[in-house]
Amino acid sequence: MNKVILMGRLTKDPEIRYTGTGEPIAIARYTIAVSRPYKKDGQTQADFINIVSYRKAAEFIEKYFKKGQMIAIVGRLQVRSWDDSEGKRHWSTEVITDEIYFAGGKNENGSATQAAAAQQTAQAAPQSGVYPPVNSGFYPVDPSIEDDDLAF
C-alpha cells in the first residue's frame, strides 16, 4: 500500500504550469514544511516535502492556497529518476496528491467569502478525490484547545 497523509505549511505560493503537448494538463509543484515530533533544544524541526498536483487539483491549489497556510494532503509517494546532459543520474521523491484539504482556521485561509467560494467549488466538482470530499468528516486540529478543555 502506498498512502501518504501530511499536514504542514506551504513554503511559498504554489506555481502552476501547463504541458505543451496535446491537450494542456495543469501541473502544480509546491513544498510543505511538516513539523517533526523530535525537539532539539526546545525547537521543533521540519521536513520539507515536495508535492505535485495535476489537472483540477493543481488549479484548485493555485487559486485558494498561499504561502504560510496550513494544508492537509492525502496522496502517494513517487520516486522518479532521470539522466542529465552529462549522463549523471538524479533522483527525486515527491508526493502526488489524491486529496487536498484546508487545515487552518478561517482567518488563515483568507476571508470568509473566499472560504465559502472554495467550499462551493469543492461541492460543485465531481467526487473524483481531487477536492475535499463533501461531508468528509475532516476537521483540522485547533492547537489552541487544551486537552483539559475537551468534554470527554
N, C-alpha and C. Protein backbone atom coordinates (compact mmCIF):
# COMPACT_ATOMS: atom_id res chain seq x y z
N MET A 1 0.85 -1.17 0.00
CA MET A 1 0.00 0.00 0.00
C MET A 1 0.90 1.24 0.00
N ASN A 2 0.57 2.20 -0.82
CA ASN A 2 1.33 3.43 -0.94
C ASN A 2 0.39 4.59 -0.65
N LYS A 3 0.33 5.03 0.62
CA LYS A 3 -0.55 6.12 1.01
C LYS A 3 0.19 7.03 1.97
N VAL A 4 0.12 8.34 1.68
CA VAL A 4 0.80 9.34 2.48
C VAL A 4 -0.22 10.36 2.95
N ILE A 5 -0.19 10.69 4.24
CA ILE A 5 -1.04 11.73 4.79
C ILE A 5 -0.13 12.73 5.49
N LEU A 6 -0.19 13.99 5.05
CA LEU A 6 0.68 15.02 5.60
C LEU A 6 -0.11 16.27 5.94
N MET A 7 0.33 16.99 6.97
CA MET A 7 -0.21 18.29 7.28
C MET A 7 0.96 19.21 7.55
N GLY A 8 0.98 20.34 6.86
CA GLY A 8 2.08 21.28 7.04
C GLY A 8 1.74 22.62 6.43
N ARG A 9 2.73 23.50 6.42
CA ARG A 9 2.54 24.85 5.88
C ARG A 9 3.25 24.98 4.54
N LEU A 10 2.59 25.70 3.63
CA LEU A 10 3.20 25.96 2.33
C LEU A 10 4.41 26.87 2.50
N THR A 11 5.52 26.52 1.87
CA THR A 11 6.75 27.32 2.00
C THR A 11 6.76 28.51 1.05
N LYS A 12 5.95 28.45 -0.02
CA LYS A 12 5.80 29.58 -0.94
C LYS A 12 4.50 29.38 -1.70
N ASP A 13 4.06 30.40 -2.44
CA ASP A 13 2.84 30.28 -3.23
C ASP A 13 3.00 29.16 -4.25
N PRO A 14 1.98 28.31 -4.41
CA PRO A 14 2.06 27.25 -5.43
C PRO A 14 2.18 27.85 -6.83
N GLU A 15 2.97 27.20 -7.66
CA GLU A 15 3.14 27.63 -9.05
C GLU A 15 2.52 26.57 -9.95
N ILE A 16 1.85 27.04 -10.98
CA ILE A 16 1.20 26.11 -11.90
C ILE A 16 1.80 26.28 -13.30
N ARG A 17 1.96 25.17 -13.98
CA ARG A 17 2.42 25.15 -15.37
C ARG A 17 1.53 24.20 -16.14
N TYR A 18 1.56 24.35 -17.45
CA TYR A 18 0.74 23.50 -18.31
C TYR A 18 1.65 22.76 -19.28
N THR A 19 1.28 21.50 -19.55
CA THR A 19 2.05 20.72 -20.52
C THR A 19 1.85 21.33 -21.90
N GLY A 20 2.82 21.15 -22.78
CA GLY A 20 2.75 21.75 -24.11
C GLY A 20 2.29 20.81 -25.20
N THR A 21 2.11 19.54 -24.89
CA THR A 21 1.74 18.58 -25.92
C THR A 21 0.27 18.20 -25.79
N GLY A 22 -0.41 18.07 -26.91
CA GLY A 22 -1.81 17.65 -26.90
C GLY A 22 -2.68 18.63 -26.13
N GLU A 23 -3.63 18.09 -25.38
CA GLU A 23 -4.47 18.92 -24.52
C GLU A 23 -3.67 19.31 -23.29
N PRO A 24 -3.54 20.62 -23.00
CA PRO A 24 -2.71 21.05 -21.85
C PRO A 24 -3.22 20.48 -20.53
N ILE A 25 -2.31 20.01 -19.72
CA ILE A 25 -2.61 19.49 -18.39
C ILE A 25 -1.94 20.39 -17.38
N ALA A 26 -2.70 20.86 -16.38
CA ALA A 26 -2.16 21.72 -15.32
C ALA A 26 -1.35 20.87 -14.34
N ILE A 27 -0.16 21.39 -13.99
CA ILE A 27 0.71 20.73 -13.01
C ILE A 27 1.17 21.77 -12.01
N ALA A 28 0.87 21.54 -10.73
CA ALA A 28 1.32 22.44 -9.67
C ALA A 28 2.37 21.72 -8.84
N ARG A 29 3.49 22.38 -8.63
CA ARG A 29 4.55 21.85 -7.77
C ARG A 29 4.73 22.83 -6.63
N TYR A 30 4.80 22.31 -5.42
CA TYR A 30 4.96 23.14 -4.24
C TYR A 30 5.58 22.31 -3.13
N THR A 31 5.98 22.99 -2.07
CA THR A 31 6.64 22.33 -0.95
C THR A 31 5.90 22.70 0.33
N ILE A 32 5.73 21.70 1.20
CA ILE A 32 5.17 22.00 2.52
C ILE A 32 6.20 21.63 3.59
N ALA A 33 6.19 22.42 4.65
CA ALA A 33 7.05 22.17 5.81
C ALA A 33 6.22 21.40 6.83
N VAL A 34 6.67 20.20 7.16
CA VAL A 34 5.97 19.33 8.10
C VAL A 34 6.81 19.21 9.36
N SER A 35 6.23 19.56 10.50
CA SER A 35 6.96 19.51 11.77
C SER A 35 7.22 18.08 12.18
N ARG A 36 8.39 17.86 12.76
CA ARG A 36 8.75 16.56 13.33
C ARG A 36 8.43 16.58 14.81
N PRO A 37 8.08 15.45 15.38
CA PRO A 37 7.82 15.43 16.82
C PRO A 37 9.11 15.61 17.63
N TYR A 38 10.25 15.36 17.02
CA TYR A 38 11.53 15.47 17.71
C TYR A 38 11.85 16.93 17.99
N LYS A 39 12.30 17.21 19.21
CA LYS A 39 12.69 18.57 19.55
C LYS A 39 14.14 18.57 20.00
N LYS A 40 14.89 19.56 19.55
CA LYS A 40 16.27 19.72 19.95
C LYS A 40 16.41 21.11 20.57
N ASP A 41 16.84 21.16 21.78
CA ASP A 41 16.99 22.43 22.49
C ASP A 41 15.69 23.23 22.50
N GLY A 42 14.55 22.55 22.62
CA GLY A 42 13.26 23.22 22.69
C GLY A 42 12.69 23.67 21.37
N GLN A 43 13.42 23.47 20.27
CA GLN A 43 12.93 23.89 18.96
C GLN A 43 12.52 22.66 18.15
N THR A 44 11.37 22.76 17.49
CA THR A 44 10.95 21.66 16.63
C THR A 44 11.70 21.74 15.30
N GLN A 45 11.81 20.61 14.67
CA GLN A 45 12.44 20.56 13.35
C GLN A 45 11.37 20.29 12.31
N ALA A 46 11.68 20.59 11.06
CA ALA A 46 10.71 20.38 9.98
C ALA A 46 11.36 19.65 8.83
N ASP A 47 10.55 18.86 8.15
CA ASP A 47 10.94 18.24 6.90
C ASP A 47 10.24 19.02 5.79
N PHE A 48 10.91 19.21 4.68
CA PHE A 48 10.35 19.93 3.55
C PHE A 48 10.03 18.91 2.46
N ILE A 49 8.73 18.73 2.22
CA ILE A 49 8.25 17.67 1.34
C ILE A 49 7.77 18.28 0.03
N ASN A 50 8.27 17.75 -1.09
CA ASN A 50 7.84 18.19 -2.42
C ASN A 50 6.52 17.52 -2.77
N ILE A 51 5.56 18.36 -3.23
CA ILE A 51 4.22 17.88 -3.55
C ILE A 51 3.91 18.23 -5.01
N VAL A 52 3.18 17.35 -5.70
CA VAL A 52 2.76 17.60 -7.09
C VAL A 52 1.26 17.32 -7.19
N SER A 53 0.54 18.28 -7.80
CA SER A 53 -0.89 18.11 -8.06
C SER A 53 -1.11 18.28 -9.56
N TYR A 54 -2.06 17.53 -10.09
CA TYR A 54 -2.36 17.58 -11.52
C TYR A 54 -3.80 18.04 -11.77
N ARG A 55 -4.02 18.54 -12.97
CA ARG A 55 -5.32 18.91 -13.52
C ARG A 55 -6.08 19.87 -12.61
N LYS A 56 -7.34 19.55 -12.28
CA LYS A 56 -8.18 20.46 -11.50
C LYS A 56 -7.62 20.68 -10.10
N ALA A 57 -6.98 19.67 -9.53
CA ALA A 57 -6.37 19.84 -8.21
C ALA A 57 -5.28 20.90 -8.25
N ALA A 58 -4.52 20.96 -9.35
CA ALA A 58 -3.47 21.97 -9.50
C ALA A 58 -4.06 23.36 -9.56
N GLU A 59 -5.15 23.51 -10.31
CA GLU A 59 -5.80 24.82 -10.41
C GLU A 59 -6.42 25.21 -9.07
N PHE A 60 -6.97 24.24 -8.35
CA PHE A 60 -7.56 24.46 -7.03
C PHE A 60 -6.51 24.97 -6.05
N ILE A 61 -5.37 24.30 -6.01
CA ILE A 61 -4.32 24.67 -5.07
C ILE A 61 -3.77 26.06 -5.38
N GLU A 62 -3.62 26.39 -6.66
CA GLU A 62 -3.10 27.71 -7.02
C GLU A 62 -4.09 28.82 -6.65
N LYS A 63 -5.37 28.54 -6.80
CA LYS A 63 -6.38 29.57 -6.57
C LYS A 63 -6.62 29.85 -5.09
N TYR A 64 -6.61 28.84 -4.25
CA TYR A 64 -7.06 29.01 -2.87
C TYR A 64 -5.97 28.93 -1.79
N PHE A 65 -4.74 28.59 -2.14
CA PHE A 65 -3.70 28.44 -1.12
C PHE A 65 -2.54 29.39 -1.38
N LYS A 66 -2.01 29.94 -0.30
CA LYS A 66 -0.89 30.89 -0.37
C LYS A 66 0.19 30.49 0.63
N LYS A 67 1.34 31.09 0.48
CA LYS A 67 2.48 30.83 1.36
C LYS A 67 2.07 30.97 2.83
N GLY A 68 2.51 30.01 3.63
CA GLY A 68 2.27 30.04 5.07
C GLY A 68 1.00 29.37 5.53
N GLN A 69 0.08 29.07 4.62
CA GLN A 69 -1.17 28.44 5.01
C GLN A 69 -0.96 26.98 5.37
N MET A 70 -1.76 26.53 6.34
CA MET A 70 -1.75 25.12 6.73
C MET A 70 -2.60 24.35 5.73
N ILE A 71 -2.07 23.20 5.31
CA ILE A 71 -2.73 22.38 4.30
C ILE A 71 -2.57 20.91 4.70
N ALA A 72 -3.57 20.12 4.38
CA ALA A 72 -3.50 18.68 4.60
C ALA A 72 -3.56 18.00 3.23
N ILE A 73 -2.71 17.01 3.06
CA ILE A 73 -2.55 16.31 1.78
C ILE A 73 -2.73 14.81 2.01
N VAL A 74 -3.47 14.18 1.12
CA VAL A 74 -3.52 12.72 1.08
C VAL A 74 -3.07 12.35 -0.33
N GLY A 75 -2.13 11.44 -0.41
CA GLY A 75 -1.62 11.07 -1.73
C GLY A 75 -0.77 9.83 -1.68
N ARG A 76 0.13 9.74 -2.66
CA ARG A 76 1.01 8.57 -2.75
C ARG A 76 2.44 9.03 -3.00
N LEU A 77 3.37 8.28 -2.54
CA LEU A 77 4.79 8.58 -2.72
C LEU A 77 5.24 8.07 -4.08
N GLN A 78 6.02 8.91 -4.78
CA GLN A 78 6.53 8.53 -6.09
C GLN A 78 8.00 8.91 -6.19
N VAL A 79 8.80 7.99 -6.65
CA VAL A 79 10.23 8.25 -6.86
C VAL A 79 10.48 8.19 -8.36
N ARG A 80 11.16 9.20 -8.87
CA ARG A 80 11.48 9.21 -10.31
C ARG A 80 12.96 9.51 -10.47
N SER A 81 13.49 9.13 -11.62
CA SER A 81 14.91 9.37 -11.89
C SER A 81 15.06 9.83 -13.34
N TRP A 82 16.16 10.52 -13.59
CA TRP A 82 16.48 10.98 -14.94
C TRP A 82 17.98 11.20 -15.04
N ASP A 83 18.47 11.20 -16.27
CA ASP A 83 19.88 11.45 -16.55
C ASP A 83 20.01 12.87 -17.11
N ASP A 84 20.98 13.63 -16.57
CA ASP A 84 21.18 14.98 -17.08
C ASP A 84 22.03 14.94 -18.35
N SER A 85 22.36 16.10 -18.88
CA SER A 85 23.11 16.18 -20.14
C SER A 85 24.52 15.60 -20.02
N GLU A 86 25.03 15.51 -18.79
CA GLU A 86 26.36 14.94 -18.57
C GLU A 86 26.32 13.45 -18.26
N GLY A 87 25.12 12.88 -18.30
CA GLY A 87 24.97 11.45 -18.05
C GLY A 87 24.87 11.10 -16.57
N LYS A 88 24.79 12.09 -15.70
CA LYS A 88 24.68 11.85 -14.26
C LYS A 88 23.23 11.56 -13.89
N ARG A 89 23.02 10.52 -13.07
CA ARG A 89 21.69 10.08 -12.66
C ARG A 89 21.22 10.94 -11.49
N HIS A 90 19.97 11.45 -11.57
CA HIS A 90 19.34 12.23 -10.50
C HIS A 90 18.08 11.52 -10.05
N TRP A 91 17.74 11.68 -8.76
CA TRP A 91 16.55 11.06 -8.18
C TRP A 91 15.72 12.13 -7.50
N SER A 92 14.41 11.96 -7.54
CA SER A 92 13.50 12.88 -6.88
C SER A 92 12.37 12.08 -6.24
N THR A 93 12.04 12.42 -5.00
CA THR A 93 10.92 11.80 -4.30
C THR A 93 9.86 12.85 -4.08
N GLU A 94 8.62 12.55 -4.47
CA GLU A 94 7.53 13.52 -4.39
C GLU A 94 6.27 12.82 -3.89
N VAL A 95 5.35 13.61 -3.37
CA VAL A 95 4.03 13.10 -3.03
C VAL A 95 3.07 13.60 -4.10
N ILE A 96 2.36 12.68 -4.75
CA ILE A 96 1.36 13.00 -5.76
C ILE A 96 0.01 13.04 -5.04
N THR A 97 -0.70 14.18 -5.12
CA THR A 97 -1.92 14.35 -4.34
C THR A 97 -3.10 13.58 -4.91
N ASP A 98 -3.89 13.03 -4.01
CA ASP A 98 -5.19 12.46 -4.33
C ASP A 98 -6.29 13.35 -3.75
N GLU A 99 -6.01 13.94 -2.57
CA GLU A 99 -6.97 14.81 -1.89
C GLU A 99 -6.21 15.98 -1.28
N ILE A 100 -6.88 17.16 -1.24
CA ILE A 100 -6.30 18.37 -0.67
C ILE A 100 -7.34 18.98 0.26
N TYR A 101 -6.92 19.37 1.48
CA TYR A 101 -7.84 19.94 2.46
C TYR A 101 -7.30 21.25 3.03
N PHE A 102 -8.23 22.16 3.34
CA PHE A 102 -7.87 23.33 4.14
C PHE A 102 -7.65 22.82 5.56
N ALA A 103 -6.58 23.21 6.20
CA ALA A 103 -6.31 22.72 7.54
C ALA A 103 -6.14 23.85 8.54
N GLY A 104 -6.19 25.09 8.10
CA GLY A 104 -6.07 26.22 9.01
C GLY A 104 -7.43 26.79 9.35
N GLY A 105 -7.41 27.79 10.21
CA GLY A 105 -8.65 28.46 10.58
C GLY A 105 -9.15 29.36 9.47
N LYS A 106 -10.33 29.93 9.69
CA LYS A 106 -10.95 30.80 8.70
C LYS A 106 -10.08 32.01 8.41
N ASN A 107 -9.49 32.61 9.43
CA ASN A 107 -8.65 33.79 9.25
C ASN A 107 -7.38 33.46 8.47
N GLU A 108 -6.87 32.27 8.66
CA GLU A 108 -5.63 31.88 8.00
C GLU A 108 -5.83 31.66 6.51
N ASN A 109 -6.98 31.16 6.12
CA ASN A 109 -7.24 30.86 4.72
C ASN A 109 -7.88 32.01 3.97
N GLY A 110 -7.84 33.19 4.51
CA GLY A 110 -8.40 34.34 3.82
C GLY A 110 -9.77 34.68 4.37
N SER A 111 -10.50 35.47 3.65
CA SER A 111 -11.80 35.95 4.12
C SER A 111 -12.82 34.82 4.12
N ALA A 112 -13.92 35.08 4.81
CA ALA A 112 -15.00 34.10 4.85
C ALA A 112 -15.58 33.90 3.46
N THR A 113 -15.62 34.95 2.66
CA THR A 113 -16.14 34.85 1.30
C THR A 113 -15.30 33.91 0.46
N GLN A 114 -13.97 34.02 0.59
CA GLN A 114 -13.07 33.15 -0.18
C GLN A 114 -13.24 31.70 0.26
N ALA A 115 -13.36 31.47 1.56
CA ALA A 115 -13.54 30.12 2.07
C ALA A 115 -14.87 29.54 1.59
N ALA A 116 -15.93 30.36 1.58
CA ALA A 116 -17.23 29.90 1.10
C ALA A 116 -17.17 29.56 -0.39
N ALA A 117 -16.47 30.40 -1.16
CA ALA A 117 -16.32 30.14 -2.60
C ALA A 117 -15.57 28.83 -2.83
N ALA A 118 -14.55 28.58 -2.03
CA ALA A 118 -13.78 27.35 -2.16
C ALA A 118 -14.65 26.14 -1.84
N GLN A 119 -15.49 26.27 -0.81
CA GLN A 119 -16.38 25.16 -0.45
C GLN A 119 -17.39 24.90 -1.56
N GLN A 120 -17.92 25.97 -2.17
CA GLN A 120 -18.86 25.80 -3.28
C GLN A 120 -18.20 25.12 -4.46
N THR A 121 -16.95 25.51 -4.74
CA THR A 121 -16.20 24.88 -5.82
C THR A 121 -16.02 23.40 -5.54
N ALA A 122 -15.68 23.07 -4.31
CA ALA A 122 -15.47 21.68 -3.94
C ALA A 122 -16.76 20.88 -4.05
N GLN A 123 -17.90 21.50 -3.67
CA GLN A 123 -19.17 20.79 -3.72
C GLN A 123 -19.64 20.61 -5.17
N ALA A 124 -19.34 21.59 -6.03
CA ALA A 124 -19.78 21.52 -7.42
C ALA A 124 -18.96 20.53 -8.23
N ALA A 125 -17.74 20.25 -7.79
CA ALA A 125 -16.84 19.36 -8.53
C ALA A 125 -17.29 17.91 -8.38
N PRO A 126 -17.04 17.10 -9.38
CA PRO A 126 -17.35 15.68 -9.26
C PRO A 126 -16.49 15.06 -8.16
N GLN A 127 -17.00 14.06 -7.51
CA GLN A 127 -16.28 13.42 -6.42
C GLN A 127 -15.17 12.52 -6.96
N SER A 128 -14.13 13.13 -7.48
CA SER A 128 -13.03 12.38 -8.07
C SER A 128 -11.85 12.25 -7.12
N GLY A 129 -11.95 12.82 -5.93
CA GLY A 129 -10.87 12.70 -4.97
C GLY A 129 -9.86 13.82 -5.04
N VAL A 130 -10.01 14.78 -5.95
CA VAL A 130 -9.03 15.84 -6.05
C VAL A 130 -9.42 17.05 -5.23
N TYR A 131 -10.69 17.16 -4.84
CA TYR A 131 -11.15 18.23 -3.98
C TYR A 131 -11.52 17.63 -2.64
N PRO A 132 -11.64 18.46 -1.61
CA PRO A 132 -12.09 17.89 -0.35
C PRO A 132 -13.49 17.28 -0.53
N PRO A 133 -13.66 16.01 -0.24
CA PRO A 133 -14.97 15.40 -0.40
C PRO A 133 -16.00 16.10 0.49
N VAL A 134 -17.20 16.29 -0.04
CA VAL A 134 -18.26 16.92 0.73
C VAL A 134 -18.59 16.03 1.91
N ASN A 135 -18.76 16.64 3.07
CA ASN A 135 -19.05 15.90 4.31
C ASN A 135 -18.02 14.81 4.56
N SER A 136 -16.77 15.14 4.36
CA SER A 136 -15.71 14.15 4.52
C SER A 136 -15.43 13.83 5.98
N GLY A 137 -15.90 14.69 6.89
CA GLY A 137 -15.63 14.45 8.30
C GLY A 137 -14.26 14.92 8.73
N PHE A 138 -13.51 15.56 7.84
CA PHE A 138 -12.18 16.05 8.19
C PHE A 138 -12.31 17.42 8.83
N TYR A 139 -11.81 17.53 10.04
CA TYR A 139 -11.80 18.81 10.73
C TYR A 139 -10.39 19.04 11.25
N PRO A 140 -9.83 20.21 10.99
CA PRO A 140 -8.46 20.46 11.43
C PRO A 140 -8.38 20.53 12.95
N VAL A 141 -7.24 20.15 13.47
CA VAL A 141 -7.00 20.21 14.90
C VAL A 141 -6.74 21.66 15.27
N ASP A 142 -7.40 22.14 16.33
CA ASP A 142 -7.19 23.51 16.80
C ASP A 142 -6.18 23.44 17.93
N PRO A 143 -4.92 23.89 17.69
CA PRO A 143 -3.89 23.76 18.72
C PRO A 143 -4.14 24.65 19.94
N SER A 144 -5.08 25.60 19.85
CA SER A 144 -5.34 26.48 20.99
C SER A 144 -6.19 25.79 22.05
N ILE A 145 -6.82 24.66 21.71
CA ILE A 145 -7.64 23.95 22.69
C ILE A 145 -6.75 22.99 23.46
N GLU A 146 -6.76 23.12 24.75
CA GLU A 146 -6.00 22.22 25.62
C GLU A 146 -6.81 20.94 25.87
N ASP A 147 -6.13 19.86 26.20
CA ASP A 147 -6.82 18.61 26.48
C ASP A 147 -7.82 18.75 27.62
N ASP A 148 -7.51 19.60 28.60
CA ASP A 148 -8.39 19.78 29.74
C ASP A 148 -9.71 20.44 29.35
N ASP A 149 -9.75 21.15 28.22
CA ASP A 149 -10.96 21.84 27.77
C ASP A 149 -11.93 20.92 27.05
N LEU A 150 -11.50 19.71 26.71
CA LEU A 150 -12.36 18.81 25.96
C LEU A 150 -13.41 18.20 26.87
N ALA A 151 -14.59 17.96 26.31
CA ALA A 151 -15.71 17.47 27.10
C ALA A 151 -15.60 16.01 27.49
N PHE A 152 -14.73 15.27 26.88
CA PHE A 152 -14.61 13.84 27.20
C PHE A 152 -13.29 13.50 27.77
